[in-house]
Amino acid sequence: MNESKKCPICKLINPEEAVLCDCGYNFELNKVDRNSNLGSLKTKYAGFFLRVLAYFIDVIPMMVLLILFFLIFTDIKDAFIKYLDNPRDFQARQDFLFNYRNKIRDISTLIFIVYSIIFEASPFQGTLGKVLLKIKVSNIDGSRITIGKSVIRNIFKLVSGFIICIGLIMVAITKNKQGLHDIVAKTVVLKNK
């Protein structure tokens, strides 16, 4: 019977005697062979719009759940109704906008960052949105990132959003489709085969 081995990077089944996978992974070195042209020819980076779609797949259900949580367990509904009844009432407006909207934003941002950190460093190598779209976060060599790298990546993703999203827009214009957060953390987002 023919023996085979599975590439830990791209999951391709290779013959037992294979030294190099199509993705550039070297079975003898147990890493992607940077001197091989195969890896660079076969690597497919996830583009800007695919990554944005993955983000929305993650964020929309999370926001719906958080809003429901706030409606059920806080008095946000009363503050919102009071604000709608009299939008010129400065105190009602301030109560709603500053006390609740900002809390929802801050809590959802924190939850999303923690969620991203954990799932990007997990065997899934990405959040639910990335998994559904068959893309993954990895080190430059294709291996899984550590929790530390995921923390760095997500902190810089947040910072990128504050500076006119320039660090995020970089995904659309850089060679390997890396945002500032990817470059700083030395990561890439790849399409799964």
C-alpha atoms as a PDB file:
ATOM      1  CA  MET A   1       0.000   0.000   0.000  1.00  0.00           C
ATOM      2  CA  ASN A   2       1.237   3.504  -0.870  1.00  0.00           C
ATOM      3  CA  GLU A   3       2.216   5.569   2.181  1.00  0.00           C
ATOM      4  CA  SER A   4       1.500   9.293   2.287  1.00  0.00           C
ATOM      5  CA  LYS A   5       2.028  12.266   4.563  1.00  0.00           C
ATOM      6  CA  LYS A   6      -0.109  15.326   5.171  1.00  0.00           C
ATOM      7  CA  CYS A   7       1.416  18.806   4.995  1.00  0.00           C
ATOM      8  CA  PRO A   8       0.889  20.612   8.344  1.00  0.00           C
ATOM      9  CA  ILE A   9       0.618  23.964   6.539  1.00  0.00           C
ATOM     10  CA  CYS A  10      -1.753  23.438   3.598  1.00  0.00           C
ATOM     11  CA  LYS A  11      -3.082  19.945   4.525  1.00  0.00           C
ATOM     12  CA  LEU A  12      -2.177  18.546   1.072  1.00  0.00           C
ATOM     13  CA  ILE A  13      -1.574  14.776   0.995  1.00  0.00           C
ATOM     14  CA  ASN A  14       1.937  14.108  -0.362  1.00  0.00           C
ATOM     15  CA  PRO A  15       3.703  10.850  -1.277  1.00  0.00           C
ATOM     16  CA  GLU A  16       5.819   9.414   1.554  1.00  0.00           C
ATOM     17  CA  GLU A  17       9.043  10.179  -0.359  1.00  0.00           C
ATOM     18  CA  ALA A  18       8.153  13.872  -0.892  1.00  0.00           C
ATOM     19  CA  VAL A  19      10.667  16.320   0.527  1.00  0.00           C
ATOM     20  CA  LEU A  20       8.831  19.492  -0.483  1.00  0.00           C
ATOM     21  CA  CYS A  21       5.084  20.198  -0.549  1.00  0.00           C
ATOM     22  CA  ASP A  22       3.503  22.405  -3.238  1.00  0.00           C
ATOM     23  CA  CYS A  23       3.100  25.191  -0.658  1.00  0.00           C
ATOM     24  CA  GLY A  24       6.867  25.218  -0.030  1.00  0.00           C
ATOM     25  CA  TYR A  25       6.821  23.259   3.238  1.00  0.00           C
ATOM     26  CA  ASN A  26      10.006  21.183   3.594  1.00  0.00           C
ATOM     27  CA  PHE A  27       9.305  17.898   5.393  1.00  0.00           C
ATOM     28  CA  GLU A  28      12.997  17.431   6.267  1.00  0.00           C
ATOM     29  CA  LEU A  29      13.378  20.919   7.756  1.00  0.00           C
ATOM     30  CA  ASN A  30       9.865  20.899   9.285  1.00  0.00           C
ATOM     31  CA  LYS A  31       9.217  24.419   7.989  1.00  0.00           C
ATOM     32  CA  VAL A  32       8.530  26.362   4.809  1.00  0.00           C
ATOM     33  CA  ASP A  33      11.675  26.415   2.679  1.00  0.00           C
ATOM     34  CA  ARG A  34      12.240  30.104   1.908  1.00  0.00           C
ATOM     35  CA  ASN A  35      14.710  29.155  -0.842  1.00  0.00           C
ATOM     36  CA  SER A  36      12.025  27.258  -2.716  1.00  0.00           C
ATOM     37  CA  ASN A  37      10.103  29.040  -5.461  1.00  0.00           C
ATOM     38  CA  LEU A  38       7.226  26.624  -4.967  1.00  0.00           C
ATOM     39  CA  GLY A  39       5.992  28.312  -1.807  1.00  0.00           C
ATOM     40  CA  SER A  40       5.868  31.779  -3.291  1.00  0.00           C
ATOM     41  CA  LEU A  41       4.186  30.564  -6.476  1.00  0.00           C
ATOM     42  CA  LYS A  42       1.457  28.663  -4.637  1.00  0.00           C
ATOM     43  CA  THR A  43       0.794  31.021  -1.723  1.00  0.00           C
ATOM     44  CA  LYS A  44      -2.568  32.752  -2.009  1.00  0.00           C
ATOM     45  CA  TYR A  45      -2.999  35.722   0.278  1.00  0.00           C
ATOM     46  CA  ALA A  46      -6.468  36.749   1.414  1.00  0.00           C
ATOM     47  CA  GLY A  47      -7.360  40.145  -0.015  1.00  0.00           C
ATOM     48  CA  PHE A  48      -8.913  43.225   1.522  1.00  0.00           C
ATOM     49  CA  PHE A  49     -12.568  42.572   0.668  1.00  0.00           C
ATOM     50  CA  LEU A  50     -12.453  38.922   1.764  1.00  0.00           C
ATOM     51  CA  ARG A  51     -11.014  40.013   5.107  1.00  0.00           C
ATOM     52  CA  VAL A  52     -13.638  42.766   5.485  1.00  0.00           C
ATOM     53  CA  LEU A  53     -16.387  40.216   4.776  1.00  0.00           C
ATOM     54  CA  ALA A  54     -14.925  37.904   7.454  1.00  0.00           C
ATOM     55  CA  TYR A  55     -14.984  40.843   9.867  1.00  0.00           C
ATOM     56  CA  PHE A  56     -18.679  41.514   9.208  1.00  0.00           C
ATOM     57  CA  ILE A  57     -19.515  37.819   9.610  1.00  0.00           C
ATOM     58  CA  ASP A  58     -17.943  38.073  13.080  1.00  0.00           C
ATOM     59  CA  VAL A  59     -19.223  41.479  14.149  1.00  0.00           C
ATOM     60  CA  ILE A  60     -22.890  41.498  13.128  1.00  0.00           C
ATOM     61  CA  PRO A  61     -24.044  38.525  15.272  1.00  0.00           C
ATOM     62  CA  MET A  62     -21.881  39.756  18.159  1.00  0.00           C
ATOM     63  CA  MET A  63     -23.453  43.232  18.036  1.00  0.00           C
ATOM     64  CA  VAL A  64     -26.985  41.806  17.891  1.00  0.00           C
ATOM     65  CA  LEU A  65     -26.279  39.674  20.985  1.00  0.00           C
ATOM     66  CA  LEU A  66     -24.737  42.602  22.860  1.00  0.00           C
ATOM     67  CA  ILE A  67     -27.645  44.911  22.050  1.00  0.00           C
ATOM     68  CA  LEU A  68     -30.110  42.243  23.203  1.00  0.00           C
ATOM     69  CA  PHE A  69     -28.070  41.803  26.385  1.00  0.00           C
ATOM     70  CA  PHE A  70     -28.154  45.551  27.065  1.00  0.00           C
ATOM     71  CA  LEU A  71     -31.893  45.756  26.310  1.00  0.00           C
ATOM     72  CA  ILE A  72     -32.700  42.892  28.677  1.00  0.00           C
ATOM     73  CA  PHE A  73     -30.281  43.538  31.549  1.00  0.00           C
ATOM     74  CA  THR A  74     -29.941  47.342  31.642  1.00  0.00           C
ATOM     75  CA  ASP A  75     -32.197  50.365  31.485  1.00  0.00           C
ATOM     76  CA  ILE A  76     -30.947  51.376  28.017  1.00  0.00           C
ATOM     77  CA  LYS A  77     -34.447  50.951  26.581  1.00  0.00           C
ATOM     78  CA  ASP A  78     -35.840  53.582  28.958  1.00  0.00           C
ATOM     79  CA  ALA A  79     -33.006  55.999  28.150  1.00  0.00           C
ATOM     80  CA  PHE A  80     -33.484  55.438  24.404  1.00  0.00           C
ATOM     81  CA  ILE A  81     -37.276  55.994  24.578  1.00  0.00           C
ATOM     82  CA  LYS A  82     -36.737  59.138  26.675  1.00  0.00           C
ATOM     83  CA  TYR A  83     -34.240  60.387  24.070  1.00  0.00           C
ATOM     84  CA  LEU A  84     -36.608  59.630  21.145  1.00  0.00           C
ATOM     85  CA  ASP A  85     -39.550  61.304  22.891  1.00  0.00           C
ATOM     86  CA  ASN A  86     -37.622  64.544  23.287  1.00  0.00           C
ATOM     87  CA  PRO A  87     -34.437  64.652  21.163  1.00  0.00           C
ATOM     88  CA  ARG A  88     -33.843  68.296  22.179  1.00  0.00           C
ATOM     89  CA  ASP A  89     -33.559  67.324  25.850  1.00  0.00           C
ATOM     90  CA  PHE A  90     -29.813  67.631  26.414  1.00  0.00           C
ATOM     91  CA  GLN A  91     -29.781  65.422  29.509  1.00  0.00           C
ATOM     92  CA  ALA A  92     -31.745  62.607  27.785  1.00  0.00           C
ATOM     93  CA  ARG A  93     -29.432  62.821  24.804  1.00  0.00           C
ATOM     94  CA  GLN A  94     -26.328  62.753  26.971  1.00  0.00           C
ATOM     95  CA  ASP A  95     -27.655  59.824  29.025  1.00  0.00           C
ATOM     96  CA  PHE A  96     -28.269  57.740  25.945  1.00  0.00           C
ATOM     97  CA  LEU A  97     -25.325  58.681  23.749  1.00  0.00           C
ATOM     98  CA  PHE A  98     -22.578  58.864  26.316  1.00  0.00           C
ATOM     99  CA  ASN A  99     -23.698  56.407  28.940  1.00  0.00           C
ATOM    100  CA  TYR A 100     -24.989  53.597  26.753  1.00  0.00           C
ATOM    101  CA  ARG A 101     -23.723  53.931  23.204  1.00  0.00           C
ATOM    102  CA  ASN A 102     -20.137  54.313  24.395  1.00  0.00           C
ATOM    103  CA  LYS A 103     -20.500  51.404  26.826  1.00  0.00           C
ATOM    104  CA  ILE A 104     -21.817  49.157  24.049  1.00  0.00           C
ATOM    105  CA  ARG A 105     -18.963  50.248  21.761  1.00  0.00           C
ATOM    106  CA  ASP A 106     -16.259  49.781  24.406  1.00  0.00           C
ATOM    107  CA  ILE A 107     -17.522  46.422  25.665  1.00  0.00           C
ATOM    108  CA  SER A 108     -18.032  45.059  22.141  1.00  0.00           C
ATOM    109  CA  THR A 109     -14.533  46.199  21.115  1.00  0.00           C
ATOM    110  CA  LEU A 110     -12.986  44.481  24.129  1.00  0.00           C
ATOM    111  CA  ILE A 111     -14.955  41.270  23.535  1.00  0.00           C
ATOM    112  CA  PHE A 112     -14.031  41.271  19.831  1.00  0.00           C
ATOM    113  CA  ILE A 113     -10.317  41.800  20.552  1.00  0.00           C
ATOM    114  CA  VAL A 114     -10.231  38.953  23.107  1.00  0.00           C
ATOM    115  CA  TYR A 115     -12.229  36.709  20.731  1.00  0.00           C
ATOM    116  CA  SER A 116      -9.825  37.479  17.865  1.00  0.00           C
ATOM    117  CA  ILE A 117      -6.713  36.919  19.988  1.00  0.00           C
ATOM    118  CA  ILE A 118      -7.903  33.516  21.197  1.00  0.00           C
ATOM    119  CA  PHE A 119      -9.207  32.183  17.883  1.00  0.00           C
ATOM    120  CA  GLU A 120      -6.326  33.434  15.707  1.00  0.00           C
ATOM    121  CA  ALA A 121      -3.840  31.604  17.946  1.00  0.00           C
ATOM    122  CA  SER A 122      -6.033  28.481  18.096  1.00  0.00           C
ATOM    123  CA  PRO A 123      -5.830  25.483  15.739  1.00  0.00           C
ATOM    124  CA  PHE A 124      -8.577  27.229  13.696  1.00  0.00           C
ATOM    125  CA  GLN A 125      -6.083  30.047  12.958  1.00  0.00           C
ATOM    126  CA  GLY A 126      -8.908  32.533  12.675  1.00  0.00           C
ATOM    127  CA  THR A 127     -12.264  33.741  13.862  1.00  0.00           C
ATOM    128  CA  LEU A 128     -15.538  32.181  12.732  1.00  0.00           C
ATOM    129  CA  GLY A 129     -15.716  34.592   9.784  1.00  0.00           C
ATOM    130  CA  LYS A 130     -12.237  33.611   8.612  1.00  0.00           C
ATOM    131  CA  VAL A 131     -12.953  29.894   9.042  1.00  0.00           C
ATOM    132  CA  LEU A 132     -16.212  30.148   7.055  1.00  0.00           C
ATOM    133  CA  LEU A 133     -14.420  32.007   4.250  1.00  0.00           C
ATOM    134  CA  LYS A 134     -11.529  29.520   4.348  1.00  0.00           C
ATOM    135  CA  ILE A 135      -8.809  31.990   5.270  1.00  0.00           C
ATOM    136  CA  LYS A 136      -6.378  31.793   8.169  1.00  0.00           C
ATOM    137  CA  VAL A 137      -3.895  33.908  10.109  1.00  0.00           C
ATOM    138  CA  SER A 138      -0.393  32.484  10.145  1.00  0.00           C
ATOM    139  CA  ASN A 139       3.255  33.321  10.549  1.00  0.00           C
ATOM    140  CA  ILE A 140       5.152  34.287   7.411  1.00  0.00           C
ATOM    141  CA  ASP A 141       6.262  30.642   7.080  1.00  0.00           C
ATOM    142  CA  GLY A 142       2.647  29.435   7.213  1.00  0.00           C
ATOM    143  CA  SER A 143       2.767  28.067  10.756  1.00  0.00           C
ATOM    144  CA  ARG A 144       0.242  28.852  13.489  1.00  0.00           C
ATOM    145  CA  ILE A 145       0.816  32.077  15.434  1.00  0.00           C
ATOM    146  CA  THR A 146       1.328  32.206  19.184  1.00  0.00           C
ATOM    147  CA  ILE A 147      -1.003  33.940  21.614  1.00  0.00           C
ATOM    148  CA  GLY A 148       1.675  36.647  22.058  1.00  0.00           C
ATOM    149  CA  LYS A 149       1.776  37.369  18.327  1.00  0.00           C
ATOM    150  CA  SER A 150      -2.002  37.412  18.260  1.00  0.00           C
ATOM    151  CA  VAL A 151      -2.034  40.010  21.065  1.00  0.00           C
ATOM    152  CA  ILE A 152       0.461  42.211  19.165  1.00  0.00           C
ATOM    153  CA  ARG A 153      -1.469  41.771  15.907  1.00  0.00           C
ATOM    154  CA  ASN A 154      -4.806  42.725  17.452  1.00  0.00           C
ATOM    155  CA  ILE A 155      -3.475  45.700  19.421  1.00  0.00           C
ATOM    156  CA  PHE A 156      -1.983  47.108  16.221  1.00  0.00           C
ATOM    157  CA  LYS A 157      -5.211  46.340  14.348  1.00  0.00           C
ATOM    158  CA  LEU A 158      -7.017  48.527  16.889  1.00  0.00           C
ATOM    159  CA  VAL A 159      -4.354  51.258  16.568  1.00  0.00           C
ATOM    160  CA  SER A 160      -4.644  51.061  12.752  1.00  0.00           C
ATOM    161  CA  GLY A 161      -8.332  51.812  13.036  1.00  0.00           C
ATOM    162  CA  PHE A 162      -7.594  55.007  14.969  1.00  0.00           C
ATOM    163  CA  ILE A 163      -5.144  56.421  12.407  1.00  0.00           C
ATOM    164  CA  ILE A 164      -7.609  56.941   9.554  1.00  0.00           C
ATOM    165  CA  CYS A 165      -7.672  53.165   8.969  1.00  0.00           C
ATOM    166  CA  ILE A 166      -4.443  53.538   6.954  1.00  0.00           C
ATOM    167  CA  GLY A 167      -2.977  50.413   8.547  1.00  0.00           C
ATOM    168  CA  LEU A 168      -6.059  48.444   7.503  1.00  0.00           C
ATOM    169  CA  ILE A 169      -6.168  49.905   3.975  1.00  0.00           C
ATOM    170  CA  MET A 170      -2.574  48.707   3.518  1.00  0.00           C
ATOM    171  CA  VAL A 171      -4.072  45.212   3.029  1.00  0.00           C
ATOM    172  CA  ALA A 172      -5.374  46.377  -0.363  1.00  0.00           C
ATOM    173  CA  ILE A 173      -2.036  47.770  -1.573  1.00  0.00           C
ATOM    174  CA  THR A 174       0.838  45.722  -0.132  1.00  0.00           C
ATOM    175  CA  LYS A 175       2.438  42.824  -1.996  1.00  0.00           C
ATOM    176  CA  ASN A 176       1.470  40.119   0.500  1.00  0.00           C
ATOM    177  CA  LYS A 177      -1.817  41.857   1.402  1.00  0.00           C
ATOM    178  CA  GLN A 178      -0.573  42.726   4.880  1.00  0.00           C
ATOM    179  CA  GLY A 179      -2.002  45.438   7.090  1.00  0.00           C
ATOM    180  CA  LEU A 180       0.164  47.376   9.526  1.00  0.00           C
ATOM    181  CA  HIS A 181      -0.868  44.903  12.238  1.00  0.00           C
ATOM    182  CA  ASP A 182       0.322  41.978  10.062  1.00  0.00           C
ATOM    183  CA  ILE A 183       3.652  43.643   9.266  1.00  0.00           C
ATOM    184  CA  VAL A 184       4.363  44.492  12.925  1.00  0.00           C
ATOM    185  CA  ALA A 185       3.402  40.982  14.112  1.00  0.00           C
ATOM    186  CA  LYS A 186       5.129  39.322  11.104  1.00  0.00           C
ATOM    187  CA  THR A 187       1.921  37.525  10.082  1.00  0.00           C
ATOM    188  CA  VAL A 188      -0.075  36.975   6.894  1.00  0.00           C
ATOM    189  CA  VAL A 189      -3.653  35.950   6.155  1.00  0.00           C
ATOM    190  CA  LEU A 190      -3.735  33.057   3.699  1.00  0.00           C
ATOM    191  CA  LYS A 191      -6.443  31.391   1.676  1.00  0.00           C
ATOM    192  CA  ASN A 192      -6.828  27.737   2.658  1.00  0.00           C
ATOM    193  CA  LYS A 193      -6.566  25.232  -0.163  1.00  0.00           C
END
